[in-house]
N, C-alpha and C. Protein backbone atom coordinates (compact mmCIF):
# COMPACT_ATOMS: atom_id res chain seq x y z
N MET A 1 -4.04 5.77 10.34
CA MET A 1 -5.26 4.47 9.68
C MET A 1 -6.18 5.63 9.29
N SER A 2 -6.66 5.13 8.03
CA SER A 2 -7.76 5.87 7.24
C SER A 2 -9.28 5.53 7.93
N THR A 3 -9.81 6.50 7.90
CA THR A 3 -11.50 6.36 8.69
C THR A 3 -12.27 5.58 7.63
N GLY A 4 -12.93 4.62 8.42
CA GLY A 4 -13.92 3.72 7.93
C GLY A 4 -14.81 4.43 7.06
N TYR A 5 -15.51 3.79 5.92
CA TYR A 5 -16.96 4.16 5.20
C TYR A 5 -18.01 3.18 5.37
N GLU A 6 -19.18 3.37 4.85
CA GLU A 6 -20.34 2.72 4.70
C GLU A 6 -20.66 2.70 3.29
N LEU A 7 -20.94 1.16 2.83
CA LEU A 7 -21.56 1.13 1.34
C LEU A 7 -22.56 0.27 1.40
N LYS A 8 -23.72 0.84 0.70
CA LYS A 8 -24.99 -0.01 0.47
C LYS A 8 -24.74 -1.23 -0.49
N ALA A 9 -25.26 -1.97 -0.12
CA ALA A 9 -25.52 -3.16 -1.59
C ALA A 9 -26.42 -4.04 -1.27
N GLU A 10 -26.84 -5.03 -2.16
CA GLU A 10 -27.78 -5.70 -2.35
C GLU A 10 -27.42 -7.09 -2.90
N THR A 11 -28.23 -8.61 -2.23
CA THR A 11 -27.92 -9.64 -2.83
C THR A 11 -27.75 -9.74 -4.03
N ARG A 12 -27.21 -10.81 -4.64
CA ARG A 12 -27.08 -11.07 -5.94
C ARG A 12 -27.95 -12.59 -5.98
N ASP A 13 -28.86 -12.90 -6.53
CA ASP A 13 -29.38 -14.21 -6.68
C ASP A 13 -28.85 -15.00 -7.51
N ARG A 14 -27.97 -14.39 -8.65
CA ARG A 14 -27.47 -15.13 -9.48
C ARG A 14 -26.08 -15.25 -9.68
N VAL A 15 -25.55 -15.61 -10.50
CA VAL A 15 -24.10 -15.34 -10.29
C VAL A 15 -23.75 -15.44 -12.27
N GLY A 16 -22.25 -15.51 -12.51
CA GLY A 16 -21.85 -15.97 -13.81
C GLY A 16 -21.85 -14.41 -15.07
N LYS A 17 -21.41 -14.83 -15.81
CA LYS A 17 -20.96 -13.65 -16.94
C LYS A 17 -22.34 -12.80 -17.19
N GLY A 18 -23.13 -13.68 -17.60
CA GLY A 18 -24.69 -12.71 -18.10
C GLY A 18 -25.14 -12.04 -16.90
N SER A 19 -25.36 -12.30 -15.85
CA SER A 19 -25.52 -11.85 -14.48
C SER A 19 -24.90 -10.35 -14.40
N ALA A 20 -23.35 -10.89 -14.49
CA ALA A 20 -22.57 -9.68 -14.16
C ALA A 20 -22.48 -8.57 -15.13
N ARG A 21 -22.98 -8.93 -16.29
CA ARG A 21 -23.15 -7.90 -17.46
C ARG A 21 -24.42 -6.88 -16.78
N ALA A 22 -25.15 -7.60 -16.79
CA ALA A 22 -26.77 -6.99 -16.26
C ALA A 22 -26.55 -6.07 -15.19
N ILE A 23 -25.83 -6.36 -14.17
CA ILE A 23 -25.35 -5.68 -13.13
C ILE A 23 -24.64 -4.44 -13.18
N ARG A 24 -23.90 -4.20 -14.46
CA ARG A 24 -22.82 -3.41 -14.72
C ARG A 24 -23.78 -2.34 -15.85
N ARG A 25 -24.48 -2.76 -16.05
CA ARG A 25 -25.46 -2.13 -17.35
C ARG A 25 -26.52 -1.39 -16.31
N ASP A 26 -26.62 -1.76 -15.35
CA ASP A 26 -27.35 -1.31 -14.45
C ASP A 26 -26.67 -0.13 -13.28
N GLY A 27 -25.47 0.17 -13.66
CA GLY A 27 -24.44 0.95 -12.76
C GLY A 27 -24.22 0.65 -11.54
N LYS A 28 -24.08 -0.93 -11.24
CA LYS A 28 -23.42 -1.57 -10.31
C LYS A 28 -22.35 -2.56 -10.54
N ILE A 29 -21.59 -2.84 -9.16
CA ILE A 29 -20.63 -3.78 -9.54
C ILE A 29 -20.92 -5.38 -9.06
N PRO A 30 -20.58 -6.41 -9.50
CA PRO A 30 -20.47 -7.62 -8.77
C PRO A 30 -19.59 -7.93 -8.15
N ALA A 31 -19.69 -8.12 -6.63
CA ALA A 31 -19.30 -8.25 -6.03
C ALA A 31 -19.00 -9.81 -5.23
N VAL A 32 -18.47 -10.63 -4.00
CA VAL A 32 -18.13 -11.04 -3.09
C VAL A 32 -17.80 -10.89 -1.57
N ILE A 33 -18.62 -11.35 -0.56
CA ILE A 33 -18.12 -11.16 0.56
C ILE A 33 -17.61 -12.35 1.34
N TYR A 34 -16.45 -12.72 1.58
CA TYR A 34 -16.01 -14.25 1.98
C TYR A 34 -15.54 -14.35 3.07
N GLY A 35 -15.03 -15.53 3.62
CA GLY A 35 -13.97 -15.72 4.93
C GLY A 35 -14.81 -15.70 6.35
N ASP A 36 -14.51 -15.50 7.50
CA ASP A 36 -14.93 -15.93 8.83
C ASP A 36 -15.63 -17.10 8.93
N LYS A 37 -14.86 -18.19 8.25
CA LYS A 37 -16.18 -19.78 8.21
C LYS A 37 -17.29 -19.46 8.05
N GLN A 38 -18.09 -18.52 6.92
CA GLN A 38 -19.50 -18.24 6.48
C GLN A 38 -19.54 -18.64 5.11
N PRO A 39 -20.47 -18.97 4.20
CA PRO A 39 -20.52 -19.34 3.12
C PRO A 39 -20.23 -17.79 2.44
N PRO A 40 -19.75 -17.53 0.93
CA PRO A 40 -19.70 -16.92 0.31
C PRO A 40 -20.92 -15.81 -0.03
N LEU A 41 -20.82 -14.59 0.13
CA LEU A 41 -22.41 -14.32 -0.43
C LEU A 41 -21.85 -13.12 -1.34
N ALA A 42 -22.69 -13.25 -2.50
CA ALA A 42 -22.73 -12.54 -3.79
C ALA A 42 -23.47 -11.27 -3.64
N ILE A 43 -22.72 -10.08 -3.89
CA ILE A 43 -23.65 -8.70 -4.09
C ILE A 43 -23.13 -8.21 -4.87
N ALA A 44 -24.11 -6.78 -5.13
CA ALA A 44 -24.08 -5.71 -6.22
C ALA A 44 -23.73 -4.60 -5.41
N VAL A 45 -22.16 -3.58 -5.83
CA VAL A 45 -22.38 -2.23 -5.27
C VAL A 45 -22.21 -1.50 -6.32
N SER A 46 -22.53 -0.04 -5.55
CA SER A 46 -22.62 0.76 -6.33
C SER A 46 -21.18 0.99 -7.75
N TYR A 47 -21.15 1.34 -8.68
CA TYR A 47 -20.11 1.72 -9.63
C TYR A 47 -19.42 2.80 -9.18
N LYS A 48 -19.83 4.06 -8.90
CA LYS A 48 -20.19 5.12 -8.66
C LYS A 48 -18.87 4.81 -7.60
N ASP A 49 -19.57 4.68 -6.38
CA ASP A 49 -18.56 4.57 -5.10
C ASP A 49 -17.65 4.03 -5.09
N ILE A 50 -17.68 2.54 -5.75
CA ILE A 50 -16.13 1.94 -5.59
C ILE A 50 -15.24 2.47 -6.55
N PHE A 51 -15.67 3.11 -7.85
CA PHE A 51 -14.78 3.67 -8.36
C PHE A 51 -14.04 4.84 -8.08
N TYR A 52 -14.93 5.73 -6.56
CA TYR A 52 -14.37 6.78 -6.12
C TYR A 52 -13.34 6.20 -5.19
N LYS A 53 -13.82 5.42 -4.41
CA LYS A 53 -12.77 4.57 -3.12
C LYS A 53 -11.45 3.86 -3.91
N ILE A 54 -11.52 3.30 -4.97
CA ILE A 54 -10.36 2.46 -5.57
C ILE A 54 -9.00 3.80 -6.08
N HIS A 55 -9.53 4.78 -6.88
CA HIS A 55 -9.02 5.84 -7.18
C HIS A 55 -8.61 6.84 -6.16
N GLY A 56 -9.23 6.71 -5.28
CA GLY A 56 -9.30 7.81 -3.86
C GLY A 56 -7.89 7.53 -3.09
N GLY A 57 -7.71 5.85 -2.84
CA GLY A 57 -6.44 6.03 -2.36
C GLY A 57 -6.57 4.86 -1.33
N ASN A 58 -5.50 3.82 -0.45
CA ASN A 58 -6.15 3.18 0.88
C ASN A 58 -7.14 2.79 0.85
N PHE A 59 -7.60 2.19 -0.75
CA PHE A 59 -8.51 1.09 -0.83
C PHE A 59 -8.40 -0.36 -0.14
N MET A 60 -7.22 -0.38 -0.61
CA MET A 60 -7.07 -1.90 0.10
C MET A 60 -6.57 -1.90 1.63
N THR A 61 -6.66 -1.07 2.49
CA THR A 61 -6.17 -0.83 3.66
C THR A 61 -7.15 -0.46 4.43
N THR A 62 -8.36 0.28 4.08
CA THR A 62 -9.05 0.58 4.72
C THR A 62 -10.39 -0.36 4.93
N VAL A 63 -10.87 -0.61 6.54
CA VAL A 63 -11.82 -1.21 6.85
C VAL A 63 -13.48 -0.22 6.51
N ALA A 64 -13.86 -1.04 5.91
CA ALA A 64 -15.62 -0.68 5.59
C ALA A 64 -16.62 -1.39 6.19
N THR A 65 -17.96 -0.82 6.16
CA THR A 65 -19.13 -1.19 6.77
C THR A 65 -19.82 -1.77 5.51
N ILE A 66 -20.18 -3.12 5.03
CA ILE A 66 -21.07 -3.14 3.54
C ILE A 66 -22.64 -3.31 4.45
N ASN A 67 -23.46 -2.30 3.98
CA ASN A 67 -24.99 -2.54 4.03
C ASN A 67 -25.83 -3.45 3.18
N VAL A 68 -25.70 -4.74 3.96
CA VAL A 68 -26.36 -5.36 2.57
C VAL A 68 -28.16 -5.74 3.31
N ASP A 69 -28.62 -5.14 2.75
CA ASP A 69 -30.12 -5.03 2.48
C ASP A 69 -30.50 -5.03 4.40
N GLY A 70 -29.90 -4.04 5.05
CA GLY A 70 -30.14 -3.78 6.28
C GLY A 70 -29.24 -4.66 6.87
N LYS A 71 -28.38 -5.69 6.59
CA LYS A 71 -27.31 -5.87 7.32
C LYS A 71 -26.25 -5.61 7.21
N LYS A 72 -25.44 -4.95 8.39
CA LYS A 72 -24.00 -4.55 8.18
C LYS A 72 -22.88 -5.44 8.26
N ILE A 73 -22.20 -5.79 7.56
CA ILE A 73 -20.91 -6.57 7.79
C ILE A 73 -19.82 -6.00 7.72
N ARG A 74 -18.81 -5.93 8.36
CA ARG A 74 -17.26 -5.10 8.61
C ARG A 74 -16.49 -6.28 7.40
N VAL A 75 -15.87 -5.62 6.47
CA VAL A 75 -15.04 -6.03 5.51
C VAL A 75 -13.66 -5.33 5.23
N LEU A 76 -12.55 -6.03 4.97
CA LEU A 76 -11.36 -5.36 4.03
C LEU A 76 -11.56 -6.16 2.61
N PRO A 77 -11.52 -4.71 1.99
CA PRO A 77 -11.38 -5.09 0.64
C PRO A 77 -9.97 -5.91 0.19
N LYS A 78 -10.14 -7.36 -0.27
CA LYS A 78 -9.13 -7.72 -0.55
C LYS A 78 -8.44 -8.09 -2.14
N ASP A 79 -9.33 -8.06 -2.94
CA ASP A 79 -8.93 -7.64 -4.31
C ASP A 79 -9.86 -7.14 -4.96
N TYR A 80 -9.63 -6.72 -6.73
CA TYR A 80 -10.41 -5.89 -7.10
C TYR A 80 -10.05 -6.44 -8.78
N GLN A 81 -10.50 -6.33 -9.82
CA GLN A 81 -10.44 -6.29 -11.25
C GLN A 81 -11.06 -5.00 -12.06
N LEU A 82 -10.00 -4.51 -12.62
CA LEU A 82 -10.32 -3.54 -13.81
C LEU A 82 -10.42 -3.85 -14.94
N ASP A 83 -10.97 -3.00 -15.91
CA ASP A 83 -11.08 -3.48 -17.43
C ASP A 83 -9.77 -3.11 -17.19
N VAL A 84 -8.85 -3.81 -18.65
CA VAL A 84 -7.45 -3.52 -19.20
C VAL A 84 -7.46 -2.51 -20.02
N VAL A 85 -8.44 -1.81 -20.67
CA VAL A 85 -8.38 -0.86 -21.83
C VAL A 85 -9.08 0.47 -21.29
N ARG A 86 -10.21 0.15 -20.26
CA ARG A 86 -10.64 1.59 -19.94
C ARG A 86 -10.57 1.91 -18.49
N ASP A 87 -9.81 0.96 -17.78
CA ASP A 87 -9.47 0.96 -16.28
C ASP A 87 -10.71 1.45 -15.28
N PHE A 88 -11.79 0.81 -15.63
CA PHE A 88 -12.96 1.20 -14.47
C PHE A 88 -13.00 -0.35 -13.84
N PRO A 89 -13.48 -0.36 -12.74
CA PRO A 89 -13.71 -1.53 -11.81
C PRO A 89 -14.88 -2.63 -12.44
N LEU A 90 -14.52 -4.01 -12.25
CA LEU A 90 -15.06 -4.69 -12.76
C LEU A 90 -15.96 -5.83 -11.78
N HIS A 91 -15.09 -5.82 -10.79
CA HIS A 91 -15.23 -7.19 -9.57
C HIS A 91 -14.79 -6.65 -8.62
N VAL A 92 -15.14 -6.40 -7.07
CA VAL A 92 -14.17 -6.75 -5.89
C VAL A 92 -14.71 -7.96 -5.22
N ASP A 93 -13.39 -8.32 -4.50
CA ASP A 93 -13.48 -9.36 -3.28
C ASP A 93 -13.32 -8.43 -1.89
N PHE A 94 -14.32 -9.13 -1.00
CA PHE A 94 -14.33 -8.46 0.64
C PHE A 94 -14.11 -9.81 1.22
N LEU A 95 -13.46 -9.46 2.18
CA LEU A 95 -13.12 -10.29 3.32
C LEU A 95 -13.93 -10.00 4.74
N ARG A 96 -14.38 -10.92 5.16
CA ARG A 96 -15.12 -10.55 6.32
C ARG A 96 -14.01 -10.49 7.37
N VAL A 97 -14.05 -9.40 8.33
CA VAL A 97 -13.24 -9.28 9.76
C VAL A 97 -14.29 -8.28 10.81
N SER A 98 -13.15 -8.96 11.90
CA SER A 98 -13.88 -8.39 13.49
C SER A 98 -12.54 -7.73 14.04
N ALA A 99 -12.79 -7.43 15.19
CA ALA A 99 -11.77 -6.74 16.07
C ALA A 99 -10.48 -7.77 15.83
N LYS A 100 -10.69 -9.34 16.12
CA LYS A 100 -9.77 -9.86 16.26
C LYS A 100 -9.37 -10.10 15.32
N THR A 101 -9.61 -10.02 13.64
CA THR A 101 -9.13 -10.60 12.93
C THR A 101 -7.44 -10.01 12.56
N GLU A 102 -6.59 -10.61 11.77
CA GLU A 102 -5.51 -10.19 11.29
C GLU A 102 -5.18 -10.73 10.19
N VAL A 103 -4.79 -9.94 9.26
CA VAL A 103 -4.93 -9.85 7.73
C VAL A 103 -3.06 -9.37 7.52
N ASN A 104 -3.25 -9.94 6.22
CA ASN A 104 -1.89 -9.54 5.41
C ASN A 104 -2.00 -8.44 4.27
N VAL A 105 -1.45 -7.30 4.59
CA VAL A 105 -1.83 -6.13 3.73
C VAL A 105 -0.32 -5.72 3.34
N ASN A 106 -0.41 -5.26 1.70
CA ASN A 106 0.66 -4.59 1.29
C ASN A 106 0.41 -3.13 2.02
N ILE A 107 1.31 -2.63 2.22
CA ILE A 107 1.54 -0.80 3.05
C ILE A 107 2.32 -0.05 2.35
N PRO A 108 2.03 0.95 1.91
CA PRO A 108 2.99 1.54 0.95
C PRO A 108 3.99 2.25 1.96
N VAL A 109 5.24 2.77 0.93
CA VAL A 109 6.30 3.26 1.99
C VAL A 109 6.29 4.78 1.67
N GLN A 110 6.64 5.64 2.56
CA GLN A 110 6.85 6.86 2.50
C GLN A 110 8.08 7.55 2.84
N PHE A 111 8.85 8.58 2.14
CA PHE A 111 9.70 8.96 2.73
C PHE A 111 9.65 10.27 2.98
N ILE A 112 10.30 10.69 4.20
CA ILE A 112 10.41 12.06 4.79
C ILE A 112 11.53 12.47 4.90
N ASN A 113 11.80 13.89 5.01
CA ASN A 113 13.08 14.49 5.69
C ASN A 113 14.05 14.52 4.38
N GLU A 114 13.62 14.44 3.19
CA GLU A 114 14.77 14.25 1.77
C GLU A 114 15.67 15.38 1.95
N GLU A 115 15.25 16.39 2.38
CA GLU A 115 15.69 17.98 2.82
C GLU A 115 17.12 17.73 3.63
N LYS A 116 16.81 16.63 4.70
CA LYS A 116 18.10 16.59 5.65
C LYS A 116 18.82 15.55 5.54
N SER A 117 18.70 15.02 4.18
CA SER A 117 19.71 13.79 3.85
C SER A 117 21.10 14.41 3.29
N PRO A 118 22.05 14.49 3.95
CA PRO A 118 23.46 14.68 3.32
C PRO A 118 23.79 13.97 2.35
N GLY A 119 23.17 12.78 1.87
CA GLY A 119 23.84 12.49 0.45
C GLY A 119 22.84 12.57 -0.80
N LEU A 120 21.47 13.23 -0.29
CA LEU A 120 20.80 13.45 -1.52
C LEU A 120 21.12 15.18 -1.54
N LYS A 121 21.65 15.96 -0.44
CA LYS A 121 21.74 16.87 -1.02
C LYS A 121 23.62 16.73 -1.47
N ARG A 122 24.26 15.91 -1.80
CA ARG A 122 25.46 15.82 -2.72
C ARG A 122 24.94 15.33 -3.77
N GLY A 123 24.06 15.07 -4.23
CA GLY A 123 23.26 14.59 -5.05
C GLY A 123 23.51 12.99 -5.76
N GLY A 124 22.89 12.29 -4.15
CA GLY A 124 22.65 11.06 -4.59
C GLY A 124 21.12 10.78 -4.73
N VAL A 125 20.99 9.61 -5.30
CA VAL A 125 20.14 9.17 -5.66
C VAL A 125 19.26 8.32 -4.71
N LEU A 126 18.19 8.21 -4.63
CA LEU A 126 17.40 7.41 -3.39
C LEU A 126 16.74 6.03 -4.29
N ASN A 127 16.96 4.80 -4.23
CA ASN A 127 16.75 4.01 -4.74
C ASN A 127 15.68 3.06 -3.82
N VAL A 128 14.62 3.17 -4.43
CA VAL A 128 13.48 2.37 -3.78
C VAL A 128 13.39 0.97 -4.15
N VAL A 129 13.60 0.07 -3.01
CA VAL A 129 13.59 -1.45 -3.80
C VAL A 129 12.17 -2.02 -3.16
N ARG A 130 11.64 -1.27 -2.30
CA ARG A 130 10.12 -1.58 -2.07
C ARG A 130 9.29 -0.42 -1.58
N HIS A 131 8.50 -0.13 -2.80
CA HIS A 131 7.46 0.87 -2.59
C HIS A 131 6.62 0.49 -2.02
N GLU A 132 6.15 -0.79 -1.42
CA GLU A 132 5.15 -1.72 -0.56
C GLU A 132 5.67 -2.64 0.29
N VAL A 133 5.45 -2.77 1.47
CA VAL A 133 6.04 -4.08 2.44
C VAL A 133 4.51 -4.42 2.85
N GLU A 134 4.57 -6.23 3.02
CA GLU A 134 3.55 -6.71 3.44
C GLU A 134 3.73 -7.03 4.79
N PHE A 135 2.62 -6.81 5.70
CA PHE A 135 2.68 -7.05 6.92
C PHE A 135 1.65 -7.90 7.25
N ILE A 136 1.63 -8.35 8.32
CA ILE A 136 0.13 -8.78 9.25
C ILE A 136 -0.36 -7.84 10.16
N CYS A 137 -1.16 -7.43 10.19
CA CYS A 137 -1.94 -6.26 11.31
C CYS A 137 -3.31 -6.86 11.87
N PRO A 138 -3.46 -6.23 12.45
CA PRO A 138 -5.03 -6.19 13.59
C PRO A 138 -5.86 -5.74 11.88
N ALA A 139 -6.85 -6.29 11.86
CA ALA A 139 -7.72 -5.45 10.75
C ALA A 139 -8.42 -3.90 10.93
N ASP A 140 -8.22 -3.80 12.57
CA ASP A 140 -8.65 -2.33 12.60
C ASP A 140 -7.73 -1.37 13.13
N LYS A 141 -6.22 -1.82 13.01
CA LYS A 141 -5.32 -0.90 13.03
C LYS A 141 -4.14 -1.43 11.95
N ILE A 142 -4.67 -0.97 10.71
CA ILE A 142 -3.74 -0.87 9.42
C ILE A 142 -3.58 0.58 9.10
N PRO A 143 -1.77 0.95 9.21
CA PRO A 143 -1.64 2.09 9.06
C PRO A 143 -1.37 1.85 7.33
N ASP A 144 -2.03 3.91 7.50
CA ASP A 144 -1.66 4.36 6.05
C ASP A 144 -0.63 3.77 5.05
N SER A 145 0.45 3.84 6.21
CA SER A 145 1.70 3.69 5.35
C SER A 145 3.15 3.71 6.52
N ILE A 146 4.07 3.18 5.93
CA ILE A 146 5.10 2.94 6.47
C ILE A 146 6.18 4.29 6.34
N ILE A 147 6.39 4.79 7.68
CA ILE A 147 7.60 5.97 7.26
C ILE A 147 8.92 5.75 7.46
N VAL A 148 9.94 5.92 6.63
CA VAL A 148 11.10 5.81 6.37
C VAL A 148 11.59 7.47 6.40
N ASP A 149 12.58 7.63 7.44
CA ASP A 149 13.06 9.08 7.50
C ASP A 149 14.51 8.79 6.92
N LEU A 150 14.68 9.85 6.08
CA LEU A 150 15.92 10.09 5.41
C LEU A 150 16.64 11.17 6.26
N ASP A 151 16.49 11.34 7.44
CA ASP A 151 17.27 12.27 8.01
C ASP A 151 18.90 11.75 8.14
N GLY A 152 19.70 12.33 8.16
CA GLY A 152 20.97 12.00 8.00
C GLY A 152 21.58 10.60 7.28
N VAL A 153 20.98 10.28 6.40
CA VAL A 153 21.22 9.12 5.22
C VAL A 153 22.41 9.89 4.41
N GLU A 154 23.45 9.11 4.78
CA GLU A 154 24.44 9.48 3.53
C GLU A 154 24.64 8.40 2.11
N ILE A 155 25.54 8.86 1.10
CA ILE A 155 25.17 8.29 0.28
C ILE A 155 26.21 6.74 0.20
N GLY A 156 25.97 5.79 -0.19
CA GLY A 156 26.03 4.22 0.24
C GLY A 156 25.35 3.75 1.47
N ASP A 157 24.98 4.41 1.99
CA ASP A 157 23.84 3.99 2.89
C ASP A 157 22.74 2.56 2.65
N VAL A 158 22.45 1.71 3.41
CA VAL A 158 21.24 0.79 2.94
C VAL A 158 20.41 1.00 4.01
N ILE A 159 18.97 1.08 3.61
CA ILE A 159 18.19 1.08 4.83
C ILE A 159 17.22 -0.41 5.05
N HIS A 160 17.61 -1.06 5.86
CA HIS A 160 16.81 -2.28 6.15
C HIS A 160 15.48 -1.97 6.84
N ILE A 161 14.64 -3.25 6.85
CA ILE A 161 13.50 -2.88 7.20
C ILE A 161 13.64 -2.78 8.96
N SER A 162 14.87 -3.32 9.45
CA SER A 162 14.94 -3.50 10.94
C SER A 162 15.42 -2.20 11.45
N LYS A 163 15.52 -0.83 10.33
CA LYS A 163 15.95 0.50 10.79
C LYS A 163 14.54 1.11 10.03
N VAL A 164 13.85 0.57 10.25
CA VAL A 164 12.46 1.40 9.97
C VAL A 164 11.43 1.06 11.40
N GLN A 165 10.81 2.31 11.42
CA GLN A 165 10.24 2.39 12.54
C GLN A 165 8.17 2.31 12.32
N VAL A 166 8.04 0.81 12.69
CA VAL A 166 6.81 0.65 12.15
C VAL A 166 5.93 0.45 13.69
N PRO A 167 4.52 0.58 13.64
CA PRO A 167 3.72 0.46 14.40
C PRO A 167 3.40 -0.43 15.24
N GLU A 168 3.14 -0.52 16.48
CA GLU A 168 3.23 -1.51 17.58
C GLU A 168 2.11 -2.46 17.06
N GLY A 169 2.65 -3.78 17.13
CA GLY A 169 1.12 -4.47 16.85
C GLY A 169 1.48 -5.35 15.43
N ILE A 170 2.51 -4.79 14.44
CA ILE A 170 2.28 -5.25 13.21
C ILE A 170 3.83 -5.41 12.83
N THR A 171 3.83 -6.55 11.76
CA THR A 171 5.00 -7.45 11.56
C THR A 171 5.03 -7.80 9.98
N PRO A 172 6.35 -7.68 9.93
CA PRO A 172 6.21 -7.80 8.36
C PRO A 172 6.40 -9.38 8.04
N VAL A 173 5.88 -9.63 6.84
CA VAL A 173 5.63 -10.95 6.61
C VAL A 173 6.68 -11.93 6.28
N ILE A 174 7.51 -11.29 5.80
CA ILE A 174 9.20 -11.77 5.49
C ILE A 174 9.91 -11.55 6.85
N ALA A 175 10.03 -12.96 7.86
CA ALA A 175 10.64 -12.60 8.78
C ALA A 175 12.03 -13.24 8.73
N ASP A 176 12.00 -13.66 7.63
CA ASP A 176 13.50 -14.78 8.04
C ASP A 176 14.72 -13.78 7.54
N ARG A 177 14.70 -12.60 7.32
CA ARG A 177 16.01 -12.02 6.84
C ARG A 177 15.38 -10.05 6.78
N ASP A 178 16.92 -9.78 7.20
CA ASP A 178 16.50 -8.08 7.31
C ASP A 178 16.41 -7.38 5.84
N PHE A 179 15.52 -7.72 5.35
CA PHE A 179 15.70 -7.35 3.67
C PHE A 179 15.67 -5.74 3.52
N THR A 180 15.89 -5.15 2.47
CA THR A 180 16.23 -3.72 1.81
C THR A 180 14.94 -3.26 1.66
N VAL A 181 14.70 -1.97 1.92
CA VAL A 181 13.87 -1.02 1.56
C VAL A 181 14.16 -0.40 0.27
N ALA A 182 15.54 0.33 0.60
CA ALA A 182 15.66 1.38 -0.02
C ALA A 182 17.38 1.36 0.14
N THR A 183 17.98 2.25 -1.04
CA THR A 183 19.49 2.23 -0.87
C THR A 183 19.60 3.80 -1.25
N LEU A 184 20.88 4.59 -0.90
CA LEU A 184 21.39 5.72 -1.58
C LEU A 184 22.17 5.71 -2.26
N ALA A 185 22.13 5.94 -3.16
CA ALA A 185 23.11 5.82 -4.38
C ALA A 185 24.06 7.02 -4.61
N GLY A 186 25.57 6.94 -4.98
CA GLY A 186 26.08 7.85 -5.70
C GLY A 186 25.80 8.63 -7.17
N SER A 187 25.14 9.52 -7.42
CA SER A 187 25.29 9.76 -8.89
C SER A 187 26.51 10.24 -9.69
N ALA A 188 26.68 10.00 -11.00
CA ALA A 188 27.94 10.70 -11.75
C ALA A 188 28.27 12.12 -10.89
N ALA A 189 27.43 12.80 -11.03
CA ALA A 189 28.00 14.13 -10.47
C ALA A 189 28.45 14.31 -9.09
N ALA A 190 27.59 13.34 -7.94
CA ALA A 190 28.58 13.13 -6.49
C ALA A 190 29.79 13.04 -6.76
N LYS A 191 29.91 11.58 -7.89
CA LYS A 191 31.36 10.99 -7.98
C LYS A 191 32.26 11.78 -8.45
N SER A 192 31.92 12.62 -9.61
CA SER A 192 32.84 13.64 -9.76
C SER A 192 33.31 14.67 -8.54
N ASP A 193 32.37 15.41 -7.99
CA ASP A 193 32.74 16.22 -7.02
C ASP A 193 33.50 15.61 -5.96
N ALA A 194 33.42 14.06 -5.62
CA ALA A 194 34.16 13.57 -4.88
C ALA A 194 35.29 13.79 -4.87
N ASP A 195 35.77 13.38 -6.69
CA ASP A 195 37.25 13.27 -7.21
C ASP A 195 37.54 14.30 -7.14
N GLY A 196 36.92 15.54 -7.68
CA GLY A 196 37.80 16.61 -7.37
C GLY A 196 38.20 17.11 -5.91
N GLU A 197 37.53 16.65 -4.85
CA GLU A 197 38.01 17.16 -3.88
C GLU A 197 39.04 16.49 -3.40
N GLU A 198 39.19 15.14 -4.05
CA GLU A 198 40.72 14.45 -3.34
C GLU A 198 41.55 14.86 -4.60
N ASP A 199 41.49 15.23 -5.63
CA ASP A 199 42.31 15.80 -6.04
C ASP A 199 42.89 16.79 -5.96
N ASP A 200 42.06 18.30 -5.54
CA ASP A 200 42.84 19.38 -4.60
C ASP A 200 43.29 19.04 -3.16
N ALA A 201 43.37 17.73 -2.74
CA ALA A 201 43.69 17.46 -1.14
C ALA A 201 44.88 16.98 -2.03
N GLU A 202 45.03 15.94 -3.12
CA GLU A 202 46.60 15.70 -3.31
C GLU A 202 47.22 16.72 -3.87
N ALA A 203 46.73 17.90 -4.24
CA ALA A 203 47.60 18.87 -5.17
C ALA A 203 47.88 20.14 -4.01
N THR A 204 47.67 19.92 -2.96
CA THR A 204 47.94 20.82 -1.92
C THR A 204 49.01 20.84 -1.36
N PRO A 205 50.16 21.48 -1.29
CA PRO A 205 50.97 21.32 -0.62
C PRO A 205 51.44 21.12 0.64
N GLU A 206 52.46 20.24 1.21
CA GLU A 206 52.29 20.25 2.54
C GLU A 206 53.25 21.41 3.51
N THR A 207 52.84 21.72 4.66
CA THR A 207 53.16 22.62 4.95
C THR A 207 54.18 22.05 6.60
C-alpha cells in the first residue's frame, strides 16, 4: 500500500470554463471533492503537485489528505482529465473517504518469477488478458498491485483469478465467474522443439 500524501488547495468561488482557464494560467488545476453525503466542493490545487503525482504512479490507488484553507479532508482520486495533445492534467475529481469507506479501484497486475516458469523457458509467450483488475477495497487498504506468481507455470496453463492470492479484505468486482487473468501460450519455436522431440522419439528403434 502506497504512503499517503498531503496537498494544499484553496476553494473556488466560481466554476465554468472561463474560471478554469484563469486557474490554469495561475499554475493551478481545477478540482472537485465529492461524496460522503456532502455537497461537492470546488477547489484549485497545484499543477506541479498533481502532474508529478499522476505520472509518478499509484495516483488512483493512494489515499491523500487535501488541506483546504486549513481544513483537512481525506480523499481518493477517482478521475482526472488530461490534455489530448500535450498530456498535462486539466481537472481532477476526488472522493471523500473515511476508515470505513469501501471503494471500487482498478489495481495493476504484477507478474513475478518469470525465470521459474518451465513454459517461458521453453519459449512460451505470456498473454496478459487483464493488466488491471477491479476490486472492492477498504479505502485504507488498497494494495499497489496484485501479484501473480509464474513459478511452475507451463505452456497451455490458464491463470484464473481464483489462483491469484489477493490481500485479505478485498474482493473482485466480477463475482459471478472465475475470469482469466493471463494464459501461457506456446510460441512457434516452442512448437517446433516439441515436434522435434516427437520425431526423435518415433525414430528411436525399440530394444
